Amino acid sequence: MLVWHYQVGIEERPMKLLRGALRRMIPAAILAATCSTAAAQSADAMQALAAKAALAEPVVWYESSPESQIVEVLKAFNARYPDVKVKYVRMVGGNELASRAIQEVQARGHTADLLTGGPDHLWQLNQRGLLRDLSQDNLGLPSQLLPVNYAVPTTASVYVLLWNSRKVADDQAPRNWDEVINEKWTGRMGSWVRAAAFAQLASAWGEDKAKSSLDNFVKLKPYLFKSTFPLAQGVASGEVDVAVGFYHSAQPVFDAGAPVKYRMLDPTPMHTISSSVSKSARNPSGATLLMLWLARPEGAEVYEKATSRGNPLVSSTKTYQMLQGVKVAEWPFDDVEKLATLNEQYNAILAKARPAM
């Protein structure tokens, strides 16, 4: 306990200063104590989950990252919770996540314990009643980490502009979206086969401007890649000079020393990726534990180091730092139906550019 001592007869001005200091310090002390208590309660709750999870079968986790990356994530998780086993199954693309989960529940009554994917896919699963109501679990999460009652944001895919520095000088590379959609990039531009970036831009620009920009982008006859990893490789090889891709997908070419540079565009489209616990989970305690660990600084930092995708809501991640100073374009969970509709419409428009590679 903090005890303040002062002498009787002390002059009034210092006394006023002392009272002012007390008014400023007491709320701060209360806040610090509250945060410390909340952190301790959270740690206690996670240890309780770990104890229950250790008695159950391994947590089955569906997610999209390569197995070699998740091995590093689970190594750190098991260093913290050695008795909780996790079986990882890679789902390439969100559509597979949703369709497989639905089919498995229909066929055998259960699917994976933890499901990590985009908001539109998790929304589909929740609409079918397949996800646990996390608001009933008293997880103690701030509202931004529980935007809806069935999903916790755990990472994000962030769009960036990529260019081959041997073919495009730094001062010639686009610095904004108007320069991206410039006729000089006709036949030199690369893109993911999905038009999700423009669907997210509609949240910042409005649908009319986003669709008009997409129409003009299609006129550039961009080369369409089925995955953003070969898209980044296409920039590295000079197959395309510039591209709109994901930061994490370009990391392998950065690490290899390829002549590829990137910059953020403003606004920056982003897909927040969240995790949900299946209502049919056979180890719900383990699934909840892994989800919470991924959303905390330790797990978020480990996951980002392994995958180059970070949680934009955790201030210690590089992703959080990258996004400072730019406007993020992303539909909130409440508008996930709108996002799904725009994705379908815009994908059809982009497909007119040329066949996917």
Protein backbone atom coordinates (compact mmCIF):
# COMPACT_ATOMS: atom_id res chain seq x y z
CA MET A 1 0.00 0.00 0.00
CA LEU A 2 1.27 3.46 -0.89
CA VAL A 3 1.22 5.87 2.09
CA TRP A 4 1.78 9.60 1.74
CA HIS A 5 3.40 11.55 4.65
CA TYR A 6 3.50 15.32 5.04
CA GLN A 7 4.25 17.82 7.84
CA VAL A 8 1.62 19.97 9.47
CA GLY A 9 2.21 23.63 8.62
CA ILE A 10 3.63 22.99 5.12
CA GLU A 11 3.03 26.02 2.92
CA GLU A 12 -0.08 26.12 0.70
CA ARG A 13 1.51 26.14 -2.78
CA PRO A 14 3.46 22.90 -2.35
CA MET A 15 0.34 21.45 -0.75
CA LYS A 16 -1.70 22.29 -3.85
CA LEU A 17 0.96 20.70 -6.01
CA LEU A 18 0.83 17.59 -3.86
CA ARG A 19 -2.95 17.39 -4.11
CA GLY A 20 -2.70 17.85 -7.90
CA ALA A 21 -0.13 15.11 -8.13
CA LEU A 22 -2.35 12.83 -6.07
CA ARG A 23 -5.32 13.49 -8.38
CA ARG A 24 -3.18 12.57 -11.39
CA MET A 25 -1.44 9.58 -9.84
CA ILE A 26 -4.34 7.85 -8.09
CA PRO A 27 -6.35 7.18 -11.32
CA ALA A 28 -3.14 6.00 -13.01
CA ALA A 29 -2.43 3.73 -10.05
CA ILE A 30 -5.98 2.39 -10.17
CA LEU A 31 -5.69 1.80 -13.94
CA ALA A 32 -2.35 0.04 -13.51
CA ALA A 33 -3.76 -2.11 -10.74
CA THR A 34 -6.82 -2.91 -12.84
CA CYS A 35 -4.67 -3.89 -15.85
CA SER A 36 -2.40 -5.95 -13.62
CA THR A 37 -5.40 -7.70 -12.09
CA ALA A 38 -6.95 -8.32 -15.52
CA ALA A 39 -3.68 -9.73 -16.83
CA ALA A 40 -3.38 -12.01 -13.81
CA GLN A 41 -6.98 -13.14 -14.21
CA SER A 42 -6.39 -13.77 -17.91
CA ALA A 43 -3.27 -15.81 -17.16
CA ASP A 44 -5.17 -17.79 -14.53
CA ALA A 45 -8.02 -18.41 -16.98
CA MET A 46 -5.60 -19.61 -19.66
CA GLN A 47 -3.90 -21.97 -17.22
CA ALA A 48 -7.32 -23.37 -16.31
CA LEU A 49 -8.07 -23.88 -20.01
CA ALA A 50 -4.70 -25.56 -20.46
CA ALA A 51 -5.40 -27.96 -17.61
CA LYS A 52 -8.71 -29.01 -19.19
CA ALA A 53 -7.26 -29.14 -22.71
CA ALA A 54 -4.44 -31.46 -21.60
CA LEU A 55 -7.02 -34.09 -20.63
CA ALA A 56 -8.70 -34.07 -24.05
CA GLU A 57 -7.63 -35.22 -27.48
CA PRO A 58 -5.39 -32.97 -29.64
CA VAL A 59 -6.78 -29.67 -30.85
CA VAL A 60 -7.49 -29.85 -34.58
CA TRP A 61 -6.72 -26.50 -36.23
CA TYR A 62 -7.69 -25.53 -39.78
CA GLU A 63 -5.71 -22.60 -41.21
CA SER A 64 -4.07 -21.64 -44.52
CA SER A 65 -0.37 -21.11 -43.75
CA PRO A 66 2.28 -23.59 -44.95
CA GLU A 67 3.01 -26.39 -42.49
CA SER A 68 6.66 -25.33 -42.20
CA GLN A 69 5.56 -21.97 -40.78
CA ILE A 70 3.00 -23.35 -38.36
CA VAL A 71 5.57 -25.79 -36.97
CA GLU A 72 7.39 -22.74 -35.56
CA VAL A 73 4.16 -21.31 -34.16
CA LEU A 74 3.22 -24.53 -32.39
CA LYS A 75 6.75 -24.97 -31.07
CA ALA A 76 6.36 -21.68 -29.18
CA PHE A 77 2.82 -22.53 -28.10
CA ASN A 78 3.95 -25.87 -26.67
CA ALA A 79 6.86 -24.19 -24.89
CA ARG A 80 4.18 -22.27 -22.98
CA TYR A 81 1.62 -25.11 -22.79
CA PRO A 82 3.57 -28.37 -23.19
CA ASP A 83 0.67 -30.68 -22.36
CA VAL A 84 -1.73 -29.32 -24.99
CA LYS A 85 -1.33 -31.12 -28.31
CA VAL A 86 -2.34 -29.57 -31.62
CA LYS A 87 -2.93 -31.25 -34.98
CA TYR A 88 -2.60 -28.76 -37.82
CA VAL A 89 -4.41 -29.19 -41.14
CA ARG A 90 -3.72 -26.70 -43.91
CA MET A 91 -6.73 -25.26 -45.74
CA VAL A 92 -5.60 -23.55 -48.94
CA GLY A 93 -8.06 -20.70 -49.41
CA GLY A 94 -11.06 -19.70 -47.34
CA ASN A 95 -13.56 -21.42 -49.59
CA GLU A 96 -12.08 -24.80 -48.69
CA LEU A 97 -12.29 -23.94 -44.99
CA ALA A 98 -16.02 -23.23 -45.10
CA SER A 99 -17.00 -26.02 -47.47
CA ARG A 100 -14.98 -28.68 -45.65
CA ALA A 101 -16.28 -27.69 -42.23
CA ILE A 102 -19.89 -27.82 -43.46
CA GLN A 103 -19.40 -31.18 -45.18
CA GLU A 104 -17.71 -32.72 -42.14
CA VAL A 105 -20.45 -31.65 -39.76
CA GLN A 106 -23.07 -33.04 -42.11
CA ALA A 107 -21.19 -36.32 -42.58
CA ARG A 108 -19.85 -37.08 -39.09
CA GLY A 109 -21.26 -34.47 -36.73
CA HIS A 110 -18.08 -32.52 -36.06
CA THR A 111 -15.26 -30.60 -37.74
CA ALA A 112 -12.01 -29.00 -36.56
CA ASP A 113 -11.85 -27.45 -33.10
CA LEU A 114 -10.34 -24.13 -34.23
CA LEU A 115 -11.16 -22.54 -37.59
CA THR A 116 -9.09 -19.59 -38.86
CA GLY A 117 -10.26 -17.71 -41.94
CA GLY A 118 -11.76 -14.58 -43.46
CA PRO A 119 -14.90 -12.89 -42.13
CA ASP A 120 -17.10 -13.98 -45.03
CA HIS A 121 -16.24 -17.66 -44.54
CA LEU A 122 -16.65 -17.58 -40.78
CA TRP A 123 -19.93 -15.72 -41.25
CA GLN A 124 -21.19 -18.54 -43.47
CA LEU A 125 -20.35 -21.07 -40.77
CA ASN A 126 -21.97 -18.99 -38.06
CA GLN A 127 -25.13 -18.59 -40.14
CA ARG A 128 -25.38 -22.38 -40.13
CA GLY A 129 -25.02 -22.48 -36.37
CA LEU A 130 -21.61 -24.17 -36.47
CA LEU A 131 -19.60 -21.74 -34.32
CA ARG A 132 -19.43 -21.30 -30.56
CA ASP A 133 -20.82 -18.14 -28.96
CA LEU A 134 -17.64 -16.72 -27.42
CA SER A 135 -19.49 -13.95 -25.58
CA GLN A 136 -20.74 -16.59 -23.16
CA ASP A 137 -17.22 -17.66 -22.18
CA ASN A 138 -16.22 -14.50 -20.26
CA LEU A 139 -12.89 -14.28 -22.09
CA GLY A 140 -12.13 -10.76 -20.86
CA LEU A 141 -11.23 -9.54 -24.36
CA PRO A 142 -11.47 -5.86 -25.36
CA SER A 143 -14.24 -5.13 -27.84
CA GLN A 144 -11.86 -4.76 -30.81
CA LEU A 145 -10.70 -8.35 -30.25
CA LEU A 146 -14.27 -9.62 -30.11
CA PRO A 147 -16.03 -7.64 -32.88
CA VAL A 148 -18.70 -10.33 -33.14
CA ASN A 149 -19.64 -13.05 -30.71
CA TYR A 150 -18.10 -15.87 -32.74
CA ALA A 151 -14.67 -14.64 -33.93
CA VAL A 152 -11.42 -13.22 -32.54
CA PRO A 153 -9.10 -11.37 -34.97
CA THR A 154 -5.73 -13.15 -34.95
CA THR A 155 -3.90 -11.88 -38.04
CA ALA A 156 -4.35 -10.01 -41.32
CA SER A 157 -3.32 -9.97 -44.96
CA VAL A 158 -2.21 -6.48 -46.00
CA TYR A 159 -2.08 -5.33 -49.62
CA VAL A 160 1.03 -3.55 -50.89
CA LEU A 161 2.35 -2.34 -54.22
CA LEU A 162 5.24 -4.47 -55.52
CA TRP A 163 7.65 -3.59 -58.30
CA ASN A 164 10.76 -5.03 -59.93
CA SER A 165 13.48 -2.50 -59.17
CA ARG A 166 15.54 -3.54 -62.22
CA LYS A 167 12.68 -2.70 -64.56
CA VAL A 168 11.03 0.19 -62.72
CA ALA A 169 12.94 3.00 -61.03
CA ASP A 170 11.83 3.76 -57.50
CA ASP A 171 10.65 7.25 -58.44
CA GLN A 172 8.61 5.79 -61.32
CA ALA A 173 6.77 3.20 -59.24
CA PRO A 174 3.17 4.18 -58.43
CA ARG A 175 2.71 6.15 -55.22
CA ASN A 176 -1.08 6.18 -55.15
CA TRP A 177 -4.04 4.37 -56.68
CA ASP A 178 -4.39 6.86 -59.54
CA GLU A 179 -0.83 6.05 -60.57
CA VAL A 180 -1.52 2.33 -60.26
CA ILE A 181 -4.44 2.62 -62.67
CA ASN A 182 -2.41 4.35 -65.34
CA GLU A 183 -2.37 3.22 -68.95
CA LYS A 184 1.45 3.07 -68.98
CA TRP A 185 1.16 -0.19 -66.99
CA THR A 186 -0.92 -1.85 -69.70
CA GLY A 187 0.39 -5.39 -70.13
CA ARG A 188 2.93 -4.82 -67.34
CA MET A 189 0.66 -5.19 -64.32
CA GLY A 190 0.10 -8.31 -62.19
CA SER A 191 -2.80 -9.12 -59.88
CA TRP A 192 -4.32 -11.86 -57.79
CA VAL A 193 -7.19 -13.52 -59.65
CA ARG A 194 -9.56 -12.27 -56.97
CA ALA A 195 -10.61 -8.62 -56.92
CA ALA A 196 -10.83 -8.52 -53.14
CA ALA A 197 -8.63 -5.41 -52.90
CA PHE A 198 -11.21 -3.36 -54.81
CA ALA A 199 -14.06 -4.87 -52.77
CA GLN A 200 -12.33 -3.61 -49.63
CA LEU A 201 -11.56 -0.24 -51.22
CA ALA A 202 -15.30 0.22 -51.69
CA SER A 203 -15.56 0.59 -47.91
CA ALA A 204 -13.41 3.74 -48.12
CA TRP A 205 -14.28 5.09 -51.56
CA GLY A 206 -17.86 4.01 -52.02
CA GLU A 207 -19.02 1.35 -54.46
CA ASP A 208 -19.24 3.62 -57.53
CA LYS A 209 -15.61 4.78 -57.35
CA ALA A 210 -14.34 1.30 -56.50
CA LYS A 211 -16.14 -0.28 -59.46
CA SER A 212 -15.01 2.49 -61.84
CA SER A 213 -11.42 2.02 -60.66
CA LEU A 214 -11.69 -1.73 -61.16
CA ASP A 215 -13.07 -1.23 -64.68
CA ASN A 216 -10.06 0.95 -65.49
CA PHE A 217 -7.72 -1.58 -63.89
CA VAL A 218 -9.12 -4.32 -66.15
CA LYS A 219 -8.29 -2.13 -69.18
CA LEU A 220 -4.62 -2.52 -68.24
CA LYS A 221 -4.95 -6.22 -69.15
CA PRO A 222 -3.27 -7.33 -65.91
CA TYR A 223 -1.81 -10.82 -65.70
CA LEU A 224 -3.92 -12.76 -63.21
CA PHE A 225 -2.30 -15.21 -60.80
CA LYS A 226 -4.21 -17.91 -58.95
CA SER A 227 -2.17 -17.26 -55.80
CA THR A 228 -0.36 -14.21 -54.46
CA PHE A 229 2.85 -16.21 -53.89
CA PRO A 230 3.50 -16.86 -57.61
CA LEU A 231 2.37 -13.27 -58.21
CA ALA A 232 5.27 -12.03 -56.09
CA GLN A 233 7.57 -14.47 -57.87
CA GLY A 234 6.34 -13.06 -61.17
CA VAL A 235 7.46 -9.61 -60.09
CA ALA A 236 10.84 -10.99 -59.01
CA SER A 237 11.42 -12.73 -62.34
CA GLY A 238 10.32 -9.71 -64.38
CA GLU A 239 7.31 -11.50 -65.78
CA VAL A 240 5.35 -8.48 -64.61
CA ASP A 241 6.86 -5.10 -63.72
CA VAL A 242 4.43 -4.08 -60.98
CA ALA A 243 1.67 -5.78 -59.01
CA VAL A 244 -0.84 -5.32 -56.24
CA GLY A 245 -0.20 -8.19 -53.85
CA PHE A 246 0.14 -9.18 -50.21
CA TYR A 247 3.08 -8.21 -48.05
CA HIS A 248 3.36 -11.68 -46.51
CA SER A 249 3.32 -13.40 -49.92
CA ALA A 250 6.27 -11.30 -51.06
CA GLN A 251 8.39 -12.17 -48.03
CA PRO A 252 10.03 -15.22 -49.67
CA VAL A 253 11.31 -13.11 -52.58
CA PHE A 254 12.47 -10.39 -50.18
CA ASP A 255 14.35 -13.00 -48.15
CA ALA A 256 15.92 -14.39 -51.33
CA GLY A 257 17.34 -10.98 -52.20
CA ALA A 258 15.24 -10.64 -55.37
CA PRO A 259 15.00 -7.15 -56.97
CA VAL A 260 11.54 -6.50 -55.52
CA LYS A 261 10.48 -3.47 -53.51
CA TYR A 262 7.18 -2.52 -51.94
CA ARG A 263 5.28 0.43 -50.58
CA MET A 264 2.00 1.02 -48.81
CA LEU A 265 -0.81 2.69 -50.72
CA ASP A 266 -3.32 5.00 -49.07
CA PRO A 267 -5.90 3.71 -48.44
CA THR A 268 -4.49 0.26 -47.81
CA PRO A 269 -6.90 -2.64 -48.40
CA MET A 270 -6.65 -5.31 -45.73
CA HIS A 271 -8.30 -8.61 -44.84
CA THR A 272 -8.48 -9.28 -41.13
CA ILE A 273 -8.32 -13.01 -40.48
CA SER A 274 -10.04 -14.33 -37.39
CA SER A 275 -10.32 -17.54 -35.42
CA SER A 276 -13.48 -19.26 -34.24
CA VAL A 277 -14.16 -22.25 -32.03
CA SER A 278 -16.37 -24.87 -33.60
CA LYS A 279 -19.57 -25.65 -31.73
CA SER A 280 -18.78 -29.31 -32.36
CA ALA A 281 -15.21 -29.00 -31.02
CA ARG A 282 -13.96 -32.09 -29.22
CA ASN A 283 -11.43 -30.01 -27.32
CA PRO A 284 -13.10 -26.60 -26.90
CA SER A 285 -10.80 -25.63 -24.03
CA GLY A 286 -7.72 -26.26 -26.17
CA ALA A 287 -9.19 -24.42 -29.14
CA THR A 288 -10.06 -21.42 -26.96
CA LEU A 289 -6.61 -21.46 -25.38
CA LEU A 290 -4.83 -21.47 -28.76
CA MET A 291 -7.11 -18.72 -30.07
CA LEU A 292 -6.46 -16.50 -27.03
CA TRP A 293 -2.71 -17.12 -27.20
CA LEU A 294 -2.67 -16.08 -30.86
CA ALA A 295 -4.48 -12.85 -29.94
CA ARG A 296 -2.04 -11.98 -27.12
CA PRO A 297 1.33 -10.28 -27.78
CA GLU A 298 3.39 -13.45 -27.32
CA GLY A 299 1.38 -15.51 -29.79
CA ALA A 300 0.85 -12.63 -32.20
CA GLU A 301 4.57 -11.91 -32.39
CA VAL A 302 5.50 -15.57 -32.87
CA TYR A 303 2.86 -16.03 -35.56
CA GLU A 304 3.97 -12.90 -37.42
CA LYS A 305 7.63 -13.91 -37.30
CA ALA A 306 6.76 -17.31 -38.79
CA THR A 307 4.23 -16.22 -41.43
CA SER A 308 4.91 -12.48 -42.03
CA ARG A 309 1.21 -11.91 -41.32
CA GLY A 310 0.60 -9.95 -38.13
CA ASN A 311 -2.30 -8.85 -36.00
CA PRO A 312 -3.09 -5.17 -36.75
CA LEU A 313 -4.73 -4.86 -33.34
CA VAL A 314 -1.66 -5.85 -31.33
CA SER A 315 0.67 -2.87 -31.00
CA SER A 316 3.85 -4.94 -30.68
CA THR A 317 3.49 -6.42 -34.18
CA LYS A 318 5.22 -5.09 -37.27
CA THR A 319 1.87 -5.10 -39.05
CA TYR A 320 0.47 -2.66 -36.51
CA GLN A 321 3.47 -0.38 -37.07
CA MET A 322 3.25 -0.64 -40.87
CA LEU A 323 -0.33 0.58 -40.84
CA GLN A 324 0.34 3.69 -38.80
CA GLY A 325 -0.19 6.80 -40.90
CA VAL A 326 -2.30 5.17 -43.61
CA LYS A 327 -6.02 4.71 -43.85
CA VAL A 328 -7.11 1.08 -43.83
CA ALA A 329 -9.86 0.04 -46.23
CA GLU A 330 -11.83 -2.88 -44.84
CA TRP A 331 -15.48 -3.68 -44.34
CA PRO A 332 -16.38 -4.32 -40.69
CA PHE A 333 -17.84 -7.65 -39.60
CA ASP A 334 -21.31 -6.07 -39.58
CA ASP A 335 -21.08 -5.62 -43.35
CA VAL A 336 -19.72 -9.05 -44.22
CA GLU A 337 -22.71 -9.78 -46.46
CA LYS A 338 -21.90 -6.66 -48.46
CA LEU A 339 -18.27 -7.77 -48.77
CA ALA A 340 -19.30 -11.21 -50.00
CA THR A 341 -21.61 -9.68 -52.62
CA LEU A 342 -18.95 -7.27 -53.87
CA ASN A 343 -16.33 -10.02 -54.02
CA GLU A 344 -18.57 -12.06 -56.29
CA GLN A 345 -19.39 -9.10 -58.54
CA TYR A 346 -15.86 -7.74 -58.73
CA ASN A 347 -14.26 -11.15 -59.32
CA ALA A 348 -16.44 -11.51 -62.40
CA ILE A 349 -15.33 -8.10 -63.67
CA LEU A 350 -11.62 -8.82 -63.12
CA ALA A 351 -11.91 -12.19 -64.85
CA LYS A 352 -12.54 -10.31 -68.11
CA ALA A 353 -8.94 -9.07 -68.14
CA ARG A 354 -7.41 -12.36 -69.32
CA PRO A 355 -7.33 -16.05 -68.30
CA ALA A 356 -5.70 -16.76 -64.94
CA MET A 357 -2.14 -18.11 -64.94
